Amino acid sequence: MRLRKTSAVIAAGVAAALSLAACDGRVDSGASGAAASAPPSTPGSEGAPSGSAAPGATPGPDATEGSGRGDTQASASASSPAPRPPSGDTCRTADLSFSSSGGMAEGEVLINLRNSGSTACSMRGFPGLDLKGEAGTVSAGRSNGRSAPTVRLAPGEGTNFSLHFPPDTGGGSGAVFTSALVTPPNETRSHRMSLSVGVPADPGSAARITVDPVGSGK
């Protein structure tokens, strides 16, 4: 999707709405920049509306800290967190490769995770995902009605999860995100990847950005 510059008035409204959702996370080992800090009860978001100063240091080009944490217990909205995989068996961010592909419907993107390590690993639960752009940062919420299967990956095998968002189909000046921080379930390190997502520039857009559990899709 083509990157568009959000106006100062619209971007301010979007950034205010987007900053409501965030969760904890730490950078991948290749990170070269410091992330913005925030009070424990309300994790901060990197980035700011066009024309205003960012609250923290600019992240490095390869990886950075995300407010979304890929922990099955990260969201207070989850009625009962999914069990963790056995200790020592969890798929680690450093041993995964990340890519994206088109989903089955408009407003859906598949985030693909592949085991690039030398041993089998497993994961279960919701990932963390932060979208970042000129308008600010938004942390995806959890979709409803999806069970979280245990996914076991041999070396070279892959799985995915779906990112859902309200597509910007009005042809107006929407909010454009150009990258994503992805945190696998039960991990604390995030991977930064390029991802183009455009949503309408209204406060209700943030609440409609959600992710499914890993491995629950087609």
N, C-alpha and C. Protein backbone atom coordinates (compact mmCIF):
# COMPACT_ATOMS: atom_id res chain seq x y z
N MET A 1 0.83 -1.19 0.00
CA MET A 1 0.00 0.00 0.00
C MET A 1 0.87 1.24 0.00
N ARG A 2 0.45 2.27 -0.72
CA ARG A 2 1.26 3.47 -0.85
C ARG A 2 1.22 4.28 0.43
N LEU A 3 2.41 4.72 0.81
CA LEU A 3 2.55 5.53 2.02
C LEU A 3 1.99 6.91 1.79
N ARG A 4 1.08 7.36 2.68
CA ARG A 4 0.51 8.69 2.56
C ARG A 4 0.81 9.50 3.80
N LYS A 5 0.95 10.78 3.69
CA LYS A 5 1.27 11.63 4.84
C LYS A 5 -0.03 12.06 5.50
N THR A 6 -0.15 11.70 6.73
CA THR A 6 -1.35 12.02 7.48
C THR A 6 -1.29 13.47 7.95
N SER A 7 -2.40 14.19 7.85
CA SER A 7 -2.43 15.58 8.27
C SER A 7 -2.26 15.67 9.77
N ALA A 8 -1.81 16.82 10.26
CA ALA A 8 -1.50 16.98 11.68
C ALA A 8 -2.72 16.77 12.54
N VAL A 9 -3.89 17.29 12.11
CA VAL A 9 -5.11 17.18 12.92
C VAL A 9 -5.56 15.75 12.99
N ILE A 10 -5.62 15.04 11.81
CA ILE A 10 -6.09 13.65 11.79
C ILE A 10 -5.12 12.75 12.51
N ALA A 11 -3.82 12.94 12.26
CA ALA A 11 -2.81 12.08 12.89
C ALA A 11 -2.84 12.21 14.40
N ALA A 12 -3.13 13.42 14.91
CA ALA A 12 -3.18 13.62 16.36
C ALA A 12 -4.30 12.80 16.96
N GLY A 13 -5.46 12.78 16.26
CA GLY A 13 -6.57 11.97 16.75
C GLY A 13 -6.27 10.50 16.71
N VAL A 14 -5.63 10.05 15.63
CA VAL A 14 -5.29 8.63 15.51
C VAL A 14 -4.27 8.22 16.54
N ALA A 15 -3.23 9.05 16.75
CA ALA A 15 -2.18 8.71 17.70
C ALA A 15 -2.74 8.62 19.11
N ALA A 16 -3.72 9.51 19.44
CA ALA A 16 -4.31 9.47 20.77
C ALA A 16 -5.05 8.17 20.99
N ALA A 17 -5.76 7.70 19.92
CA ALA A 17 -6.50 6.44 20.05
C ALA A 17 -5.57 5.25 20.06
N LEU A 18 -4.55 5.32 19.25
CA LEU A 18 -3.64 4.19 19.12
C LEU A 18 -2.82 3.96 20.38
N SER A 19 -2.52 5.04 21.14
CA SER A 19 -1.66 4.90 22.30
C SER A 19 -2.35 4.21 23.46
N LEU A 20 -3.68 3.91 23.35
CA LEU A 20 -4.40 3.27 24.44
C LEU A 20 -4.04 1.81 24.61
N ALA A 21 -3.60 1.15 23.49
CA ALA A 21 -3.32 -0.30 23.57
C ALA A 21 -1.85 -0.55 23.42
N ALA A 22 -1.23 -1.24 24.40
CA ALA A 22 0.18 -1.60 24.29
C ALA A 22 0.49 -2.63 25.34
N CYS A 23 1.52 -3.44 25.13
CA CYS A 23 1.97 -4.37 26.15
C CYS A 23 3.47 -4.46 26.16
N ASP A 24 4.02 -5.19 27.13
CA ASP A 24 5.45 -5.17 27.41
C ASP A 24 6.22 -6.03 26.44
N GLY A 25 7.55 -5.72 26.17
CA GLY A 25 8.38 -6.54 25.29
C GLY A 25 9.80 -6.04 25.30
N ARG A 26 10.77 -6.81 24.81
CA ARG A 26 12.16 -6.39 24.74
C ARG A 26 12.69 -6.63 23.35
N VAL A 27 13.80 -5.96 23.04
CA VAL A 27 14.33 -6.00 21.71
C VAL A 27 15.03 -7.30 21.40
N ASP A 28 15.10 -7.60 20.08
CA ASP A 28 15.91 -8.70 19.60
C ASP A 28 17.36 -8.31 19.76
N SER A 29 18.24 -9.29 19.67
CA SER A 29 19.65 -9.05 19.93
C SER A 29 20.28 -8.11 18.92
N GLY A 30 19.65 -7.93 17.75
CA GLY A 30 20.21 -7.06 16.73
C GLY A 30 19.74 -5.63 16.86
N ALA A 31 19.05 -5.29 17.95
CA ALA A 31 18.52 -3.94 18.06
C ALA A 31 19.64 -2.94 18.21
N SER A 32 19.47 -1.76 17.58
CA SER A 32 20.50 -0.73 17.65
C SER A 32 19.98 0.55 18.24
N GLY A 33 18.70 0.61 18.65
CA GLY A 33 18.17 1.85 19.19
C GLY A 33 17.46 1.59 20.49
N ALA A 34 17.26 2.63 21.32
CA ALA A 34 16.57 2.51 22.59
C ALA A 34 15.10 2.73 22.37
N ALA A 35 14.25 2.04 23.13
CA ALA A 35 12.82 2.19 23.00
C ALA A 35 12.33 3.20 24.01
N ALA A 36 11.14 3.75 23.76
CA ALA A 36 10.55 4.70 24.68
C ALA A 36 10.12 4.00 25.94
N SER A 37 10.27 4.67 27.12
CA SER A 37 9.86 4.09 28.38
C SER A 37 8.53 4.66 28.80
N ALA A 38 7.81 3.93 29.67
CA ALA A 38 6.50 4.38 30.10
C ALA A 38 6.17 3.73 31.41
N PRO A 39 5.16 4.25 32.14
CA PRO A 39 4.77 3.65 33.42
C PRO A 39 4.32 2.24 33.21
N PRO A 40 4.49 1.36 34.23
CA PRO A 40 4.15 -0.05 34.07
C PRO A 40 2.71 -0.27 33.70
N SER A 41 1.76 0.54 34.23
CA SER A 41 0.36 0.29 33.96
C SER A 41 -0.05 0.69 32.57
N THR A 42 0.69 1.56 31.94
CA THR A 42 0.35 2.01 30.59
C THR A 42 1.59 2.07 29.75
N PRO A 43 2.01 0.92 29.12
CA PRO A 43 3.23 0.92 28.30
C PRO A 43 3.17 1.97 27.23
N GLY A 44 4.27 2.65 27.00
CA GLY A 44 4.32 3.73 26.04
C GLY A 44 4.39 3.23 24.63
N SER A 45 4.19 4.11 23.70
CA SER A 45 4.29 3.76 22.29
C SER A 45 5.28 4.66 21.62
N GLU A 46 6.03 4.07 20.74
CA GLU A 46 7.04 4.83 19.99
C GLU A 46 6.38 5.56 18.86
N GLY A 47 6.94 6.68 18.51
CA GLY A 47 6.42 7.43 17.39
C GLY A 47 5.47 8.49 17.90
N ALA A 48 5.14 9.46 17.07
CA ALA A 48 4.26 10.55 17.43
C ALA A 48 3.60 11.06 16.17
N PRO A 49 2.46 11.82 16.31
CA PRO A 49 1.84 12.40 15.12
C PRO A 49 2.80 13.31 14.38
N SER A 50 2.57 13.44 13.10
CA SER A 50 3.42 14.29 12.28
C SER A 50 3.48 15.69 12.85
N GLY A 51 4.65 16.22 13.03
CA GLY A 51 4.81 17.57 13.53
C GLY A 51 5.07 17.64 15.02
N SER A 52 5.03 16.50 15.75
CA SER A 52 5.30 16.52 17.17
C SER A 52 6.49 15.64 17.48
N ALA A 53 7.15 15.92 18.60
CA ALA A 53 8.39 15.22 18.93
C ALA A 53 8.07 13.83 19.44
N ALA A 54 8.89 12.87 19.08
CA ALA A 54 8.74 11.50 19.58
C ALA A 54 9.18 11.45 21.02
N PRO A 55 8.52 10.60 21.85
CA PRO A 55 8.85 10.56 23.27
C PRO A 55 10.15 9.86 23.59
N GLY A 56 10.73 9.11 22.65
CA GLY A 56 11.93 8.37 22.96
C GLY A 56 12.91 8.38 21.82
N ALA A 57 13.99 7.59 21.96
CA ALA A 57 15.01 7.54 20.92
C ALA A 57 14.50 6.82 19.70
N THR A 58 15.10 7.15 18.54
CA THR A 58 14.71 6.52 17.29
C THR A 58 15.24 5.11 17.24
N PRO A 59 14.39 4.10 16.87
CA PRO A 59 14.85 2.71 16.84
C PRO A 59 15.80 2.46 15.70
N GLY A 60 16.61 1.39 15.83
CA GLY A 60 17.52 0.98 14.77
C GLY A 60 16.77 0.37 13.62
N PRO A 61 17.42 0.17 12.48
CA PRO A 61 16.75 -0.31 11.28
C PRO A 61 16.39 -1.78 11.31
N ASP A 62 17.04 -2.60 12.15
CA ASP A 62 16.83 -4.04 12.09
C ASP A 62 15.84 -4.54 13.13
N ALA A 63 15.93 -4.03 14.34
CA ALA A 63 15.04 -4.50 15.39
C ALA A 63 14.91 -3.43 16.44
N THR A 64 13.82 -3.47 17.21
CA THR A 64 13.60 -2.49 18.25
C THR A 64 12.65 -3.05 19.27
N GLU A 65 12.47 -2.37 20.37
CA GLU A 65 11.61 -2.89 21.42
C GLU A 65 10.17 -2.61 21.09
N GLY A 66 9.29 -3.57 21.29
CA GLY A 66 7.88 -3.39 21.02
C GLY A 66 7.08 -3.39 22.30
N SER A 67 5.95 -2.66 22.29
CA SER A 67 5.09 -2.66 23.45
C SER A 67 4.24 -3.91 23.49
N GLY A 68 4.11 -4.63 22.35
CA GLY A 68 3.35 -5.87 22.34
C GLY A 68 4.21 -7.02 22.82
N ARG A 69 3.70 -7.81 23.76
CA ARG A 69 4.47 -8.94 24.29
C ARG A 69 3.79 -10.22 23.89
N GLY A 70 4.54 -11.14 23.29
CA GLY A 70 3.95 -12.39 22.84
C GLY A 70 3.86 -13.39 23.97
N ASP A 71 3.14 -13.06 25.01
CA ASP A 71 3.00 -13.94 26.16
C ASP A 71 1.54 -14.31 26.29
N THR A 72 1.25 -15.58 26.49
CA THR A 72 -0.14 -16.00 26.57
C THR A 72 -0.87 -15.42 27.76
N GLN A 73 -0.14 -14.82 28.72
CA GLN A 73 -0.78 -14.20 29.88
C GLN A 73 -0.73 -12.69 29.81
N ALA A 74 -0.39 -12.10 28.66
CA ALA A 74 -0.15 -10.67 28.58
C ALA A 74 -1.43 -9.86 28.63
N SER A 75 -2.56 -10.39 28.18
CA SER A 75 -3.77 -9.59 28.08
C SER A 75 -4.73 -9.88 29.21
N ALA A 76 -5.17 -8.81 29.89
CA ALA A 76 -6.12 -8.98 30.97
C ALA A 76 -7.48 -9.38 30.45
N SER A 77 -7.72 -9.15 29.13
CA SER A 77 -9.00 -9.46 28.55
C SER A 77 -9.17 -10.95 28.31
N ALA A 78 -8.08 -11.74 28.34
CA ALA A 78 -8.18 -13.18 28.12
C ALA A 78 -8.73 -13.84 29.37
N SER A 79 -9.81 -14.64 29.24
CA SER A 79 -10.43 -15.25 30.40
C SER A 79 -9.54 -16.29 31.05
N SER A 80 -8.83 -17.08 30.25
CA SER A 80 -7.92 -18.08 30.80
C SER A 80 -6.76 -18.26 29.84
N PRO A 81 -5.53 -17.92 30.27
CA PRO A 81 -4.39 -18.01 29.37
C PRO A 81 -4.09 -19.43 28.97
N ALA A 82 -3.59 -19.59 27.74
CA ALA A 82 -3.25 -20.92 27.26
C ALA A 82 -1.99 -21.42 27.95
N PRO A 83 -1.87 -22.74 28.16
CA PRO A 83 -0.67 -23.29 28.80
C PRO A 83 0.57 -23.00 27.98
N ARG A 84 1.69 -22.87 28.65
CA ARG A 84 2.95 -22.67 27.97
C ARG A 84 3.49 -24.00 27.44
N PRO A 85 4.26 -23.97 26.36
CA PRO A 85 4.95 -25.18 25.93
C PRO A 85 5.94 -25.61 26.99
N PRO A 86 6.40 -26.88 26.96
CA PRO A 86 7.38 -27.34 27.95
C PRO A 86 8.62 -26.46 27.98
N SER A 87 9.19 -26.28 29.16
CA SER A 87 10.38 -25.45 29.31
C SER A 87 11.51 -25.96 28.43
N GLY A 88 12.18 -25.08 27.75
CA GLY A 88 13.28 -25.44 26.87
C GLY A 88 12.85 -25.82 25.48
N ASP A 89 11.51 -25.87 25.26
CA ASP A 89 10.97 -26.29 23.97
C ASP A 89 10.42 -25.12 23.18
N THR A 90 10.32 -23.95 23.80
CA THR A 90 9.68 -22.80 23.18
C THR A 90 10.46 -22.28 21.98
N CYS A 91 9.73 -21.95 20.92
CA CYS A 91 10.37 -21.34 19.74
C CYS A 91 10.83 -19.94 20.10
N ARG A 92 12.10 -19.67 19.93
CA ARG A 92 12.68 -18.38 20.27
C ARG A 92 12.75 -17.48 19.03
N THR A 93 12.64 -16.18 19.27
CA THR A 93 12.66 -15.22 18.19
C THR A 93 13.91 -15.36 17.33
N ALA A 94 15.04 -15.60 17.96
CA ALA A 94 16.30 -15.69 17.23
C ALA A 94 16.34 -16.89 16.29
N ASP A 95 15.50 -17.89 16.55
CA ASP A 95 15.50 -19.10 15.72
C ASP A 95 14.33 -19.13 14.74
N LEU A 96 13.67 -18.00 14.54
CA LEU A 96 12.54 -17.92 13.62
C LEU A 96 12.81 -16.91 12.52
N SER A 97 12.29 -17.19 11.33
CA SER A 97 12.29 -16.19 10.25
C SER A 97 10.86 -15.70 10.07
N PHE A 98 10.73 -14.44 9.64
CA PHE A 98 9.43 -13.78 9.59
C PHE A 98 9.16 -13.24 8.18
N SER A 99 7.93 -13.38 7.73
CA SER A 99 7.52 -12.81 6.45
C SER A 99 6.02 -12.57 6.50
N SER A 100 5.48 -11.91 5.48
CA SER A 100 4.04 -11.66 5.42
C SER A 100 3.51 -12.05 4.06
N SER A 101 2.21 -12.33 4.00
CA SER A 101 1.55 -12.66 2.75
C SER A 101 0.09 -12.25 2.85
N GLY A 102 -0.58 -12.19 1.71
CA GLY A 102 -1.97 -11.76 1.69
C GLY A 102 -2.89 -12.75 2.39
N GLY A 103 -3.92 -12.23 3.05
CA GLY A 103 -4.90 -13.07 3.71
C GLY A 103 -6.03 -13.46 2.79
N MET A 104 -7.05 -14.09 3.35
CA MET A 104 -8.19 -14.57 2.57
C MET A 104 -9.18 -13.45 2.27
N ALA A 105 -9.11 -12.35 2.97
CA ALA A 105 -10.07 -11.27 2.79
C ALA A 105 -9.38 -9.92 2.90
N GLU A 106 -10.09 -8.88 2.46
CA GLU A 106 -9.55 -7.53 2.60
C GLU A 106 -9.46 -7.20 4.09
N GLY A 107 -8.39 -6.55 4.47
CA GLY A 107 -8.19 -6.24 5.87
C GLY A 107 -7.61 -7.40 6.66
N GLU A 108 -6.94 -8.32 5.97
CA GLU A 108 -6.29 -9.44 6.65
C GLU A 108 -4.91 -9.68 6.04
N VAL A 109 -3.92 -9.87 6.89
CA VAL A 109 -2.55 -10.18 6.47
C VAL A 109 -2.07 -11.38 7.27
N LEU A 110 -1.40 -12.32 6.60
CA LEU A 110 -0.80 -13.46 7.29
C LEU A 110 0.64 -13.13 7.66
N ILE A 111 0.99 -13.34 8.92
CA ILE A 111 2.37 -13.22 9.37
C ILE A 111 2.92 -14.64 9.50
N ASN A 112 3.92 -14.94 8.70
CA ASN A 112 4.47 -16.29 8.63
C ASN A 112 5.71 -16.42 9.52
N LEU A 113 5.75 -17.50 10.29
CA LEU A 113 6.87 -17.80 11.18
C LEU A 113 7.45 -19.16 10.77
N ARG A 114 8.76 -19.19 10.54
CA ARG A 114 9.41 -20.44 10.13
C ARG A 114 10.57 -20.75 11.06
N ASN A 115 10.68 -22.02 11.43
CA ASN A 115 11.76 -22.46 12.30
C ASN A 115 13.06 -22.52 11.49
N SER A 116 13.94 -21.58 11.73
CA SER A 116 15.22 -21.54 11.03
C SER A 116 16.35 -22.09 11.89
N GLY A 117 15.99 -22.66 13.05
CA GLY A 117 16.99 -23.23 13.94
C GLY A 117 17.33 -24.67 13.57
N SER A 118 18.13 -25.31 14.39
CA SER A 118 18.60 -26.66 14.11
C SER A 118 17.84 -27.73 14.89
N THR A 119 16.94 -27.32 15.78
CA THR A 119 16.16 -28.28 16.57
C THR A 119 14.68 -27.92 16.52
N ALA A 120 13.83 -28.92 16.82
CA ALA A 120 12.39 -28.68 16.83
C ALA A 120 12.02 -27.78 18.00
N CYS A 121 10.92 -27.03 17.84
CA CYS A 121 10.44 -26.17 18.91
C CYS A 121 8.93 -26.09 18.82
N SER A 122 8.30 -25.53 19.82
CA SER A 122 6.85 -25.41 19.82
C SER A 122 6.44 -24.06 20.38
N MET A 123 5.21 -23.68 20.06
CA MET A 123 4.65 -22.43 20.58
C MET A 123 3.14 -22.59 20.70
N ARG A 124 2.57 -21.81 21.59
CA ARG A 124 1.12 -21.83 21.78
C ARG A 124 0.66 -20.50 22.35
N GLY A 125 -0.36 -19.92 21.73
CA GLY A 125 -0.94 -18.70 22.26
C GLY A 125 -0.97 -17.57 21.25
N PHE A 126 -1.26 -16.38 21.76
CA PHE A 126 -1.33 -15.18 20.94
C PHE A 126 0.04 -14.52 20.82
N PRO A 127 0.41 -14.07 19.65
CA PRO A 127 1.63 -13.29 19.50
C PRO A 127 1.40 -11.85 19.92
N GLY A 128 2.48 -11.12 20.12
CA GLY A 128 2.38 -9.67 20.27
C GLY A 128 2.68 -9.03 18.92
N LEU A 129 1.97 -7.96 18.59
CA LEU A 129 2.23 -7.27 17.32
C LEU A 129 1.95 -5.78 17.48
N ASP A 130 2.96 -4.96 17.21
CA ASP A 130 2.83 -3.50 17.22
C ASP A 130 2.98 -2.99 15.80
N LEU A 131 2.02 -2.19 15.36
CA LEU A 131 2.13 -1.50 14.07
C LEU A 131 2.71 -0.12 14.32
N LYS A 132 3.65 0.30 13.46
CA LYS A 132 4.32 1.58 13.63
C LYS A 132 4.28 2.39 12.34
N GLY A 133 4.09 3.70 12.48
CA GLY A 133 4.06 4.60 11.34
C GLY A 133 4.15 6.04 11.79
N GLU A 134 3.97 6.97 10.87
CA GLU A 134 4.08 8.39 11.18
C GLU A 134 3.03 8.82 12.21
N ALA A 135 1.87 8.17 12.19
CA ALA A 135 0.80 8.56 13.11
C ALA A 135 1.02 8.04 14.51
N GLY A 136 1.98 7.14 14.70
CA GLY A 136 2.25 6.61 16.03
C GLY A 136 2.33 5.10 16.02
N THR A 137 1.99 4.49 17.15
CA THR A 137 2.10 3.04 17.33
C THR A 137 0.79 2.51 17.89
N VAL A 138 0.37 1.35 17.41
CA VAL A 138 -0.79 0.68 17.97
C VAL A 138 -0.43 -0.78 18.20
N SER A 139 -0.83 -1.31 19.35
CA SER A 139 -0.65 -2.72 19.66
C SER A 139 -1.93 -3.47 19.36
N ALA A 140 -1.82 -4.51 18.55
CA ALA A 140 -3.00 -5.28 18.17
C ALA A 140 -3.58 -5.98 19.38
N GLY A 141 -4.91 -6.03 19.45
CA GLY A 141 -5.58 -6.77 20.50
C GLY A 141 -5.74 -8.23 20.10
N ARG A 142 -6.45 -8.98 20.91
CA ARG A 142 -6.68 -10.41 20.65
C ARG A 142 -8.07 -10.62 20.06
N SER A 143 -8.14 -11.40 19.02
CA SER A 143 -9.43 -11.71 18.42
C SER A 143 -10.22 -12.65 19.33
N ASN A 144 -11.52 -12.63 19.19
CA ASN A 144 -12.38 -13.47 20.01
C ASN A 144 -12.75 -14.77 19.29
N GLY A 145 -13.07 -15.78 20.06
CA GLY A 145 -13.58 -17.02 19.49
C GLY A 145 -12.57 -17.90 18.81
N ARG A 146 -11.30 -17.72 19.09
CA ARG A 146 -10.25 -18.54 18.48
C ARG A 146 -9.51 -19.32 19.55
N SER A 147 -9.45 -20.64 19.40
CA SER A 147 -8.67 -21.46 20.34
C SER A 147 -7.21 -21.44 19.92
N ALA A 148 -6.34 -21.67 20.89
CA ALA A 148 -4.90 -21.62 20.64
C ALA A 148 -4.33 -23.04 20.63
N PRO A 149 -4.02 -23.58 19.46
CA PRO A 149 -3.44 -24.92 19.40
C PRO A 149 -1.95 -24.89 19.73
N THR A 150 -1.41 -26.02 20.14
CA THR A 150 0.03 -26.14 20.30
C THR A 150 0.63 -26.46 18.93
N VAL A 151 1.56 -25.63 18.49
CA VAL A 151 2.19 -25.79 17.18
C VAL A 151 3.63 -26.24 17.38
N ARG A 152 3.98 -27.39 16.82
CA ARG A 152 5.34 -27.89 16.92
C ARG A 152 5.98 -27.83 15.54
N LEU A 153 7.15 -27.21 15.47
CA LEU A 153 7.84 -26.99 14.21
C LEU A 153 9.18 -27.71 14.19
N ALA A 154 9.33 -28.61 13.22
CA ALA A 154 10.65 -29.19 12.97
C ALA A 154 11.49 -28.15 12.24
N PRO A 155 12.80 -28.30 12.20
CA PRO A 155 13.62 -27.34 11.45
C PRO A 155 13.13 -27.20 10.02
N GLY A 156 12.92 -25.98 9.59
CA GLY A 156 12.44 -25.71 8.24
C GLY A 156 10.94 -25.61 8.11
N GLU A 157 10.19 -26.06 9.09
CA GLU A 157 8.74 -25.99 9.03
C GLU A 157 8.24 -24.62 9.48
N GLY A 158 7.03 -24.26 9.02
CA GLY A 158 6.49 -22.94 9.34
C GLY A 158 5.03 -22.99 9.74
N THR A 159 4.57 -21.90 10.29
CA THR A 159 3.18 -21.71 10.65
C THR A 159 2.87 -20.23 10.45
N ASN A 160 1.68 -19.78 10.82
CA ASN A 160 1.35 -18.37 10.66
C ASN A 160 0.24 -17.97 11.61
N PHE A 161 -0.03 -16.68 11.62
CA PHE A 161 -1.21 -16.16 12.31
C PHE A 161 -1.74 -14.99 11.50
N SER A 162 -3.01 -14.65 11.71
CA SER A 162 -3.65 -13.59 10.94
C SER A 162 -3.68 -12.28 11.72
N LEU A 163 -3.39 -11.20 11.01
CA LEU A 163 -3.57 -9.84 11.51
C LEU A 163 -4.81 -9.28 10.82
N HIS A 164 -5.76 -8.79 11.61
CA HIS A 164 -6.99 -8.21 11.08
C HIS A 164 -6.99 -6.71 11.34
N PHE A 165 -7.47 -5.93 10.37
CA PHE A 165 -7.53 -4.48 10.54
C PHE A 165 -8.64 -3.93 9.65
N PRO A 166 -9.18 -2.75 9.99
CA PRO A 166 -10.18 -2.12 9.13
C PRO A 166 -9.48 -1.46 7.94
N PRO A 167 -9.70 -1.94 6.72
CA PRO A 167 -9.00 -1.35 5.58
C PRO A 167 -9.47 0.07 5.28
N ASP A 168 -8.54 0.90 4.84
CA ASP A 168 -8.87 2.28 4.48
C ASP A 168 -9.36 2.29 3.03
N THR A 169 -10.66 2.20 2.86
CA THR A 169 -11.24 2.14 1.51
C THR A 169 -11.93 3.43 1.10
N GLY A 170 -11.87 4.44 1.97
CA GLY A 170 -12.57 5.68 1.68
C GLY A 170 -11.85 6.60 0.72
N GLY A 171 -10.60 6.31 0.41
CA GLY A 171 -9.85 7.16 -0.49
C GLY A 171 -9.43 8.47 0.13
N GLY A 172 -9.62 8.62 1.43
CA GLY A 172 -9.25 9.86 2.09
C GLY A 172 -7.87 9.78 2.70
N SER A 173 -7.66 10.64 3.69
CA SER A 173 -6.37 10.70 4.35
C SER A 173 -6.40 9.80 5.58
N GLY A 174 -5.97 8.56 5.42
CA GLY A 174 -5.99 7.60 6.52
C GLY A 174 -4.65 7.55 7.24
N ALA A 175 -4.55 6.61 8.16
CA ALA A 175 -3.30 6.39 8.88
C ALA A 175 -2.57 5.21 8.25
N VAL A 176 -1.30 5.39 7.96
CA VAL A 176 -0.51 4.35 7.30
C VAL A 176 0.60 3.88 8.24
N PHE A 177 0.68 2.57 8.41
CA PHE A 177 1.75 1.95 9.19
C PHE A 177 2.70 1.27 8.20
N THR A 178 3.98 1.37 8.46
CA THR A 178 4.98 0.88 7.52
C THR A 178 5.84 -0.25 8.07
N SER A 179 5.68 -0.59 9.33
CA SER A 179 6.46 -1.70 9.91
C SER A 179 5.69 -2.32 11.06
N ALA A 180 6.15 -3.51 11.46
CA ALA A 180 5.51 -4.21 12.57
C ALA A 180 6.58 -4.84 13.46
N LEU A 181 6.34 -4.83 14.76
CA LEU A 181 7.17 -5.56 15.71
C LEU A 181 6.40 -6.82 16.12
N VAL A 182 6.96 -7.97 15.85
CA VAL A 182 6.27 -9.24 16.12
C VAL A 182 7.00 -9.97 17.24
N THR A 183 6.24 -10.38 18.25
CA THR A 183 6.78 -11.13 19.37
C THR A 183 6.08 -12.48 19.44
N PRO A 184 6.79 -13.59 19.23
CA PRO A 184 6.16 -14.91 19.30
C PRO A 184 5.59 -15.18 20.69
N PRO A 185 4.63 -16.11 20.80
CA PRO A 185 4.07 -16.44 22.12
C PRO A 185 5.15 -16.88 23.11
N ASN A 186 4.99 -16.44 24.35
CA ASN A 186 5.90 -16.81 25.45
C ASN A 186 7.33 -16.34 25.23
N GLU A 187 7.51 -15.35 24.38
CA GLU A 187 8.83 -14.75 24.15
C GLU A 187 8.80 -13.29 24.61
N THR A 188 9.97 -12.72 24.83
CA THR A 188 10.08 -11.31 25.22
C THR A 188 10.84 -10.49 24.19
N ARG A 189 11.43 -11.14 23.20
CA ARG A 189 12.18 -10.44 22.17
C ARG A 189 11.33 -10.29 20.92
N SER A 190 11.41 -9.10 20.32
CA SER A 190 10.60 -8.79 19.14
C SER A 190 11.45 -8.75 17.89
N HIS A 191 10.80 -9.04 16.76
CA HIS A 191 11.45 -8.92 15.46
C HIS A 191 10.73 -7.83 14.67
N ARG A 192 11.51 -6.91 14.10
CA ARG A 192 10.93 -5.84 13.30
C ARG A 192 10.92 -6.24 11.84
N MET A 193 9.77 -6.04 11.17
CA MET A 193 9.64 -6.39 9.77
C MET A 193 8.86 -5.29 9.05
N SER A 194 9.13 -5.13 7.75
CA SER A 194 8.39 -4.16 6.94
C SER A 194 6.98 -4.69 6.71
N LEU A 195 5.99 -3.83 6.88
CA LEU A 195 4.60 -4.21 6.66
C LEU A 195 3.78 -2.96 6.41
N SER A 196 3.09 -2.92 5.29
CA SER A 196 2.29 -1.75 4.93
C SER A 196 0.82 -2.01 5.23
N VAL A 197 0.27 -1.23 6.14
CA VAL A 197 -1.13 -1.37 6.55
C VAL A 197 -1.74 0.03 6.63
N GLY A 198 -2.87 0.23 5.97
CA GLY A 198 -3.56 1.50 6.03
C GLY A 198 -4.93 1.34 6.65
N VAL A 199 -5.27 2.20 7.61
CA VAL A 199 -6.56 2.15 8.29
C VAL A 199 -7.21 3.52 8.23
N PRO A 200 -8.53 3.61 8.38
CA PRO A 200 -9.19 4.91 8.43
C PRO A 200 -8.69 5.74 9.60
N ALA A 201 -8.62 7.03 9.41
CA ALA A 201 -8.12 7.92 10.46
C ALA A 201 -9.24 8.32 11.40
N ASP A 202 -9.71 7.36 12.17
CA ASP A 202 -10.72 7.65 13.18
C ASP A 202 -10.40 6.87 14.44
N PRO A 203 -10.87 7.33 15.61
CA PRO A 203 -10.51 6.69 16.88
C PRO A 203 -10.92 5.23 16.98
N GLY A 204 -11.97 4.82 16.25
CA GLY A 204 -12.43 3.45 16.35
C GLY A 204 -11.56 2.44 15.64
N SER A 205 -10.60 2.90 14.83
CA SER A 205 -9.77 1.98 14.06
C SER A 205 -8.88 1.12 14.95
N ALA A 206 -8.33 1.69 16.01
CA ALA A 206 -7.38 0.97 16.85
C ALA A 206 -7.98 -0.28 17.47
N ALA A 207 -9.23 -0.18 17.93
CA ALA A 207 -9.87 -1.31 18.60
C ALA A 207 -10.16 -2.46 17.64
N ARG A 208 -10.14 -2.19 16.35
CA ARG A 208 -10.46 -3.22 15.36
C ARG A 208 -9.21 -3.87 14.77
N ILE A 209 -8.05 -3.54 15.30
CA ILE A 209 -6.80 -4.18 14.87
C ILE A 209 -6.51 -5.32 15.84
N THR A 210 -6.58 -6.56 15.36
CA THR A 210 -6.44 -7.73 16.23
C THR A 210 -5.58 -8.80 15.58
N VAL A 211 -5.11 -9.74 16.39
CA VAL A 211 -4.37 -10.90 15.90
C VAL A 211 -5.04 -12.18 16.40
N ASP A 212 -4.93 -13.26 15.61
CA ASP A 212 -5.39 -14.59 16.01
C ASP A 212 -4.24 -15.35 16.67
N PRO A 213 -4.54 -16.43 17.40
CA PRO A 213 -3.45 -17.25 17.94
C PRO A 213 -2.61 -17.86 16.83
N VAL A 214 -1.37 -18.13 17.12
CA VAL A 214 -0.49 -18.79 16.14
C VAL A 214 -1.04 -20.17 15.81
N GLY A 215 -1.13 -20.47 14.51
CA GLY A 215 -1.56 -21.78 14.06
C GLY A 215 -3.05 -22.02 14.04
N SER A 216 -3.85 -21.00 14.30
CA SER A 216 -5.31 -21.20 14.37
C SER A 216 -6.00 -20.96 13.03
N GLY A 217 -5.26 -20.50 12.03
CA GLY A 217 -5.86 -20.18 10.73
C GLY A 217 -5.96 -21.37 9.82
N LYS A 218 -6.03 -21.05 8.49
CA LYS A 218 -6.15 -22.11 7.49
C LYS A 218 -4.86 -22.91 7.39
